[in-house]
Each structure stands twice: as structure tokens, then as C-alpha cells.
Amino acid sequence: MRIATFNILHGRSLDDGSVDVDRLAAAVKDLDADVLGLQEVDRDQPRSMNADLTAVAAEAMGAVDSQFVAALSGTPGGTWMAATGDEQPGSASYGIALLSRWPVVSWRVVRLPAMRASVPLWSQQTNRPFLARDEPRVAVAAVVDGPLGRFTVCNTHLSFIPGWNKRQLRQLVRAVDGSPEPLVLIGDLNMQRGPATRHSGLQSIASAPTFPTGRPMRQLDHVLVRGPLRASGPAQAVQLPLSDHRALVVACESA
């Protein structure tokens, strides 16, 4: 089976600055993933033509089950607040999505709180310090009835604030303890491979730099595993005509 994770930058291309749902669909189709985790996903946002980007991706990959989970509700630059899970249909929101070509037996949402205080960070773009303000994060886990039997896959997008993202990762792993194994944790963790494995206690089965897309130097996106699952070949960091990340794809088999 092929597992992929992709931070889609709400479907925006760096080349023309626009969102094209057909371009997103073609990119997802090219990945040919059986299980796909997406981050920075819009739903009913004006900047992405009020599209349901999860539905676009699900149709493109032939998913039989999918779930979008909002981390934030409202529109960027306007009303922008933590999502609660009780948002009305048709309301603008932003978050993550998990999609599967195999049936999902059960879903679970784990909400990860934002750091309350602003934190001074260094900007590599401006070469100056700035005050960073965090935002709420979320994870979605699914028990999937796949060809190798049932397994759990969890998708997330963690904070960019160093230290806090590691705390969120440890909290998330504790939250999904006891789920059917193999356990697969995918997503943009905003940390490199060493800290990701160390703080999760899981094994990385996909090693490839994913950010920034043009000339990737860091691996921020990961596929981490606990239980009898291994990579059947080297992972690929796939450059696609949208986003500032490359998609990370790995083929897996029973260990």
C-alpha cells in the first residue's frame, strides 16, 4: 500500500499565486496514494473559490472514506478563531484531512492547544527577529480496514514553534495509545527526522527532504510507524505544481 502526506498550502501554486482545483485534483491523482494525509486544507474559503478541497482530493484519488477536521474557523484576515467541531455546514474553515481508498471503521479527533504567549523567533526571509503567535492544531485518526488487516493512521499538522511542537507530538502519541496496530502517524510535524522519532517513540520509514519545494533542505513531513509495518522501497519527495512543500510518499508492506 502507498501512504502519502502533503501540506497543500490551501491548494495555492507558488508559480502563479492562484488556487486551481483541477490542478489540485491532478496532483492528488499523480500521487496514487491508498491513504493520504493533507494539511493546510481549506473548506468554503474565498481564497480557494469556496471549494471543499477534501472532496476534490477524495474524488481524484478514489477515496471511499475521508474526513476534514477544522483547526480554525472563519477567514484569514477577518474572523479567525479556534474551531470546536460544531461549525455549521457551509462555514469557512481551515484544517487537515485524511482520505482512504479502504473503509474506515472508526474516526477520532484530537485537539492540540496553541501556545498562548507570543514567542520571539528568527525569520530567515527577513533576517530579523519577529514575534510569532501560534494557532490551534488538530489531529484526526482512523482505524482502516485495509488489505493487510486493520491498522490505525493519524494525520496532523503541528506547531512551527520549537519545543511546543515536540510537546504536542508527545501528547498526540499518548492520545492514540491503545489504537489497533500498526500505528502510522503522518503529517507536517514542523521538525526534522531525529526529533520526530525521538519525541514520538515511533520509527521513521520515509527519509527525504520535503521543504522548501524548489530546493528542499529539511524534512518537515513524516511517516512514522509503530508495529509490524515497513517500507518496501525508498520514499519519494514528489514535487507538484502547488504548495511550498513536496509530498512525501512511501510504499509499505507487513513486517
Protein backbone atom coordinates (compact mmCIF):
# COMPACT_ATOMS: atom_id res chain seq x y z
CA MET A 1 0.00 0.00 0.00
CA ARG A 2 1.08 3.58 -0.68
CA ILE A 3 0.92 6.14 2.12
CA ALA A 4 1.39 9.85 1.43
CA THR A 5 1.35 13.14 3.31
CA PHE A 6 1.14 16.54 1.65
CA ASN A 7 0.93 20.08 3.01
CA ILE A 8 -1.04 21.63 0.14
CA LEU A 9 -0.79 25.35 1.13
CA HIS A 10 -4.60 25.54 0.63
CA GLY A 11 -4.02 24.44 -2.96
CA ARG A 12 -2.02 27.54 -3.93
CA SER A 13 0.73 27.46 -6.53
CA LEU A 14 3.93 29.42 -5.90
CA ASP A 15 4.26 29.98 -9.65
CA ASP A 16 1.08 31.98 -10.23
CA GLY A 17 -0.23 32.52 -6.68
CA SER A 18 -3.61 31.05 -7.52
CA VAL A 19 -5.70 28.08 -6.43
CA ASP A 20 -6.88 25.77 -9.21
CA VAL A 21 -8.97 22.81 -8.05
CA ASP A 22 -8.26 20.92 -11.27
CA ARG A 23 -4.55 21.30 -10.63
CA LEU A 24 -5.02 20.02 -7.08
CA ALA A 25 -7.02 17.04 -8.34
CA ALA A 26 -4.35 16.18 -10.91
CA ALA A 27 -1.62 16.38 -8.25
CA VAL A 28 -3.51 14.06 -5.89
CA LYS A 29 -4.19 11.64 -8.73
CA ASP A 30 -0.48 11.57 -9.60
CA LEU A 31 0.41 10.60 -6.02
CA ASP A 32 -1.70 7.42 -6.40
CA ALA A 33 -1.91 7.05 -2.61
CA ASP A 34 -4.07 4.48 -0.86
CA VAL A 35 -4.02 6.56 2.33
CA LEU A 36 -3.40 10.30 2.15
CA GLY A 37 -2.99 12.93 4.82
CA LEU A 38 -3.41 16.58 3.81
CA GLN A 39 -2.54 19.69 5.79
CA GLU A 40 -3.46 23.38 5.29
CA VAL A 41 -6.78 22.40 3.77
CA ASP A 42 -9.48 24.97 3.02
CA ARG A 43 -13.23 24.47 3.01
CA ASP A 44 -15.60 27.20 1.82
CA GLN A 45 -12.82 29.82 1.77
CA PRO A 46 -12.99 32.70 -0.75
CA ARG A 47 -9.23 32.41 -1.43
CA SER A 48 -9.79 28.86 -2.74
CA MET A 49 -13.00 29.60 -4.67
CA ASN A 50 -15.20 28.38 -1.78
CA ALA A 51 -14.29 24.81 -2.75
CA ASP A 52 -14.26 21.78 -0.48
CA LEU A 53 -10.66 20.77 -1.13
CA THR A 54 -11.10 17.49 0.76
CA ALA A 55 -13.92 16.48 -1.58
CA VAL A 56 -11.80 17.44 -4.60
CA ALA A 57 -8.93 15.25 -3.37
CA ALA A 58 -11.22 12.35 -2.40
CA GLU A 59 -12.74 12.19 -5.87
CA ALA A 60 -9.32 12.43 -7.52
CA MET A 61 -7.80 9.52 -5.59
CA GLY A 62 -10.91 7.35 -5.48
CA ALA A 63 -11.26 7.50 -1.69
CA VAL A 64 -14.15 5.54 -0.20
CA ASP A 65 -13.80 7.34 3.15
CA SER A 66 -12.48 10.77 4.06
CA GLN A 67 -12.78 13.32 6.81
CA PHE A 68 -11.94 17.01 7.02
CA VAL A 69 -11.29 18.40 10.50
CA ALA A 70 -11.13 22.16 11.04
CA ALA A 71 -8.44 23.65 13.23
CA LEU A 72 -9.66 27.20 12.59
CA SER A 73 -12.99 28.65 11.53
CA GLY A 74 -13.59 31.90 9.71
CA THR A 75 -11.49 33.65 7.07
CA PRO A 76 -7.82 34.72 7.25
CA GLY A 77 -7.54 38.43 7.96
CA GLY A 78 -11.14 38.52 9.16
CA THR A 79 -12.87 36.45 11.81
CA TRP A 80 -10.35 33.69 12.55
CA MET A 81 -10.86 31.59 15.67
CA ALA A 82 -10.28 28.12 17.05
CA ALA A 83 -12.64 25.53 15.63
CA THR A 84 -14.71 23.49 18.04
CA GLY A 85 -16.09 20.80 15.76
CA ASP A 86 -19.58 22.33 15.96
CA GLU A 87 -19.21 24.61 12.92
CA GLN A 88 -22.23 24.88 10.67
CA PRO A 89 -22.14 23.37 7.16
CA GLY A 90 -21.01 25.95 4.63
CA SER A 91 -18.98 27.97 7.13
CA ALA A 92 -15.43 28.90 6.13
CA SER A 93 -12.79 26.78 7.82
CA TYR A 94 -9.21 25.54 7.57
CA GLY A 95 -7.53 22.40 8.85
CA ILE A 96 -6.47 18.90 7.87
CA ALA A 97 -7.94 15.92 6.04
CA LEU A 98 -7.44 12.17 5.99
CA LEU A 99 -8.50 10.09 2.99
CA SER A 100 -8.53 6.34 2.38
CA ARG A 101 -9.27 4.00 -0.52
CA TRP A 102 -10.27 1.41 2.07
CA PRO A 103 -13.18 1.56 4.52
CA VAL A 104 -12.67 3.38 7.80
CA VAL A 105 -14.03 1.52 10.82
CA SER A 106 -13.83 4.46 13.23
CA TRP A 107 -12.66 8.08 13.43
CA ARG A 108 -11.19 10.06 16.29
CA VAL A 109 -10.28 13.75 16.57
CA VAL A 110 -7.57 15.01 18.93
CA ARG A 111 -7.38 18.76 19.52
CA LEU A 112 -3.99 20.19 20.45
CA PRO A 113 -3.97 23.61 22.17
CA ALA A 114 -1.94 26.52 20.88
CA MET A 115 0.78 28.15 22.90
CA ARG A 116 -0.90 31.16 24.50
CA ALA A 117 2.03 33.57 24.59
CA SER A 118 3.75 35.10 21.59
CA VAL A 119 7.27 33.78 21.07
CA PRO A 120 10.30 35.58 19.58
CA LEU A 121 11.63 33.72 16.53
CA TRP A 122 14.16 34.48 13.82
CA SER A 123 12.96 34.98 10.26
CA GLN A 124 15.23 33.52 7.59
CA GLN A 125 13.38 35.57 4.95
CA THR A 126 13.94 39.00 6.56
CA ASN A 127 16.96 38.04 8.68
CA ARG A 128 15.26 39.72 11.62
CA PRO A 129 13.50 38.59 14.80
CA PHE A 130 9.72 38.67 14.98
CA LEU A 131 7.02 37.82 17.50
CA ALA A 132 5.26 34.61 16.45
CA ARG A 133 1.75 33.80 17.56
CA ASP A 134 0.68 30.16 17.49
CA GLU A 135 -2.65 28.79 16.34
CA PRO A 136 -4.69 25.77 17.47
CA ARG A 137 -3.71 22.42 15.97
CA VAL A 138 -5.67 19.24 15.45
CA ALA A 139 -5.15 15.58 14.54
CA VAL A 140 -7.50 13.02 13.03
CA ALA A 141 -7.05 9.26 13.46
CA ALA A 142 -8.81 6.47 11.58
CA VAL A 143 -8.93 2.73 12.06
CA VAL A 144 -8.72 1.45 8.49
CA ASP A 145 -9.82 -1.96 7.25
CA GLY A 146 -7.02 -2.48 4.73
CA PRO A 147 -5.73 -5.43 2.68
CA LEU A 148 -3.15 -6.20 5.39
CA GLY A 149 -5.81 -6.13 8.13
CA ARG A 150 -6.89 -3.30 10.38
CA PHE A 151 -4.43 -0.54 11.22
CA THR A 152 -4.54 2.99 12.60
CA VAL A 153 -3.42 6.06 10.70
CA CYS A 154 -3.23 9.50 12.28
CA ASN A 155 -2.70 12.77 10.39
CA THR A 156 -1.68 16.09 11.93
CA HIS A 157 -0.04 19.47 11.38
CA LEU A 158 1.93 20.56 14.44
CA SER A 159 3.04 23.99 15.60
CA PHE A 160 6.02 25.73 14.00
CA ILE A 161 7.17 26.89 17.45
CA PRO A 162 10.21 24.83 18.54
CA GLY A 163 9.64 22.90 21.75
CA TRP A 164 5.87 23.33 21.67
CA ASN A 165 5.55 21.07 18.63
CA LYS A 166 7.52 18.37 20.42
CA ARG A 167 5.16 18.65 23.37
CA GLN A 168 2.19 18.34 21.01
CA LEU A 169 3.74 15.27 19.39
CA ARG A 170 4.18 13.51 22.73
CA GLN A 171 0.61 14.43 23.70
CA LEU A 172 -0.73 13.07 20.42
CA VAL A 173 1.08 9.75 20.71
CA ARG A 174 -0.31 9.31 24.24
CA ALA A 175 -3.79 10.10 22.93
CA VAL A 176 -3.70 7.32 20.31
CA ASP A 177 -2.05 4.70 22.55
CA GLY A 178 -4.14 1.54 22.56
CA SER A 179 -5.30 2.00 18.96
CA PRO A 180 -5.04 -1.06 16.69
CA GLU A 181 -1.51 -1.53 15.37
CA PRO A 182 0.29 -0.98 13.12
CA LEU A 183 0.02 2.69 14.03
CA VAL A 184 1.02 5.12 11.29
CA LEU A 185 1.49 8.80 12.17
CA ILE A 186 1.76 11.12 9.17
CA GLY A 187 1.82 14.85 8.63
CA ASP A 188 3.72 18.09 8.72
CA LEU A 189 5.33 17.92 12.14
CA ASN A 190 7.43 21.09 11.70
CA MET A 191 10.53 19.29 12.93
CA GLN A 192 13.22 17.17 11.37
CA ARG A 193 13.54 13.38 11.40
CA GLY A 194 15.67 13.00 14.54
CA PRO A 195 13.39 14.95 16.89
CA ALA A 196 10.30 13.39 15.26
CA THR A 197 11.39 9.86 16.07
CA ARG A 198 12.86 10.75 19.45
CA HIS A 199 9.81 12.56 20.79
CA SER A 200 7.23 10.20 19.28
CA GLY A 201 8.98 6.92 20.12
CA LEU A 202 8.00 5.75 16.63
CA GLN A 203 10.13 4.58 13.71
CA SER A 204 10.55 6.68 10.58
CA ILE A 205 10.04 4.69 7.37
CA ALA A 206 10.37 7.63 4.97
CA SER A 207 13.52 9.71 4.66
CA ALA A 208 13.60 12.55 2.13
CA PRO A 209 13.81 16.36 2.37
CA THR A 210 10.43 17.98 1.69
CA PHE A 211 10.84 21.72 2.30
CA PRO A 212 11.08 24.13 0.56
CA THR A 213 9.74 22.56 -2.60
CA GLY A 214 12.17 24.05 -5.14
CA ARG A 215 15.33 23.02 -3.35
CA PRO A 216 14.35 21.00 -0.26
CA MET A 217 16.85 21.07 2.60
CA ARG A 218 14.71 19.92 5.53
CA GLN A 219 12.30 17.07 6.16
CA LEU A 220 9.30 18.55 7.96
CA ASP A 221 6.84 15.92 6.68
CA HIS A 222 6.95 12.39 8.05
CA VAL A 223 5.62 8.85 8.03
CA LEU A 224 6.22 7.31 11.47
CA VAL A 225 5.28 3.75 12.43
CA ARG A 226 4.84 1.50 15.43
CA GLY A 227 4.10 -2.16 14.85
CA PRO A 228 4.60 -4.69 12.05
CA LEU A 229 4.85 -2.39 9.05
CA ARG A 230 7.90 -1.45 6.98
CA ALA A 231 8.80 0.39 3.81
CA SER A 232 9.05 -1.83 0.75
CA GLY A 233 11.22 0.71 -1.07
CA PRO A 234 12.74 4.16 -0.69
CA ALA A 235 10.44 7.10 -0.01
CA GLN A 236 9.88 9.80 -2.60
CA ALA A 237 9.58 13.53 -2.06
CA VAL A 238 7.37 14.47 -5.02
CA GLN A 239 7.45 18.00 -6.39
CA LEU A 240 3.99 19.04 -7.58
CA PRO A 241 2.73 22.25 -9.22
CA LEU A 242 1.34 23.65 -5.97
CA SER A 243 2.42 24.28 -2.38
CA ASP A 244 5.73 25.19 -0.75
CA HIS A 245 6.19 21.56 0.40
CA ARG A 246 6.86 18.40 -1.55
CA ALA A 247 4.55 15.46 -0.95
CA LEU A 248 6.13 12.51 0.86
CA VAL A 249 5.15 9.06 -0.45
CA VAL A 250 6.23 5.60 0.68
CA ALA A 251 5.15 2.07 -0.26
CA CYS A 252 4.60 -0.22 2.74
CA GLU A 253 4.26 -3.93 3.48
CA SER A 254 3.83 -6.14 6.53
CA ALA A 255 6.99 -6.59 8.53
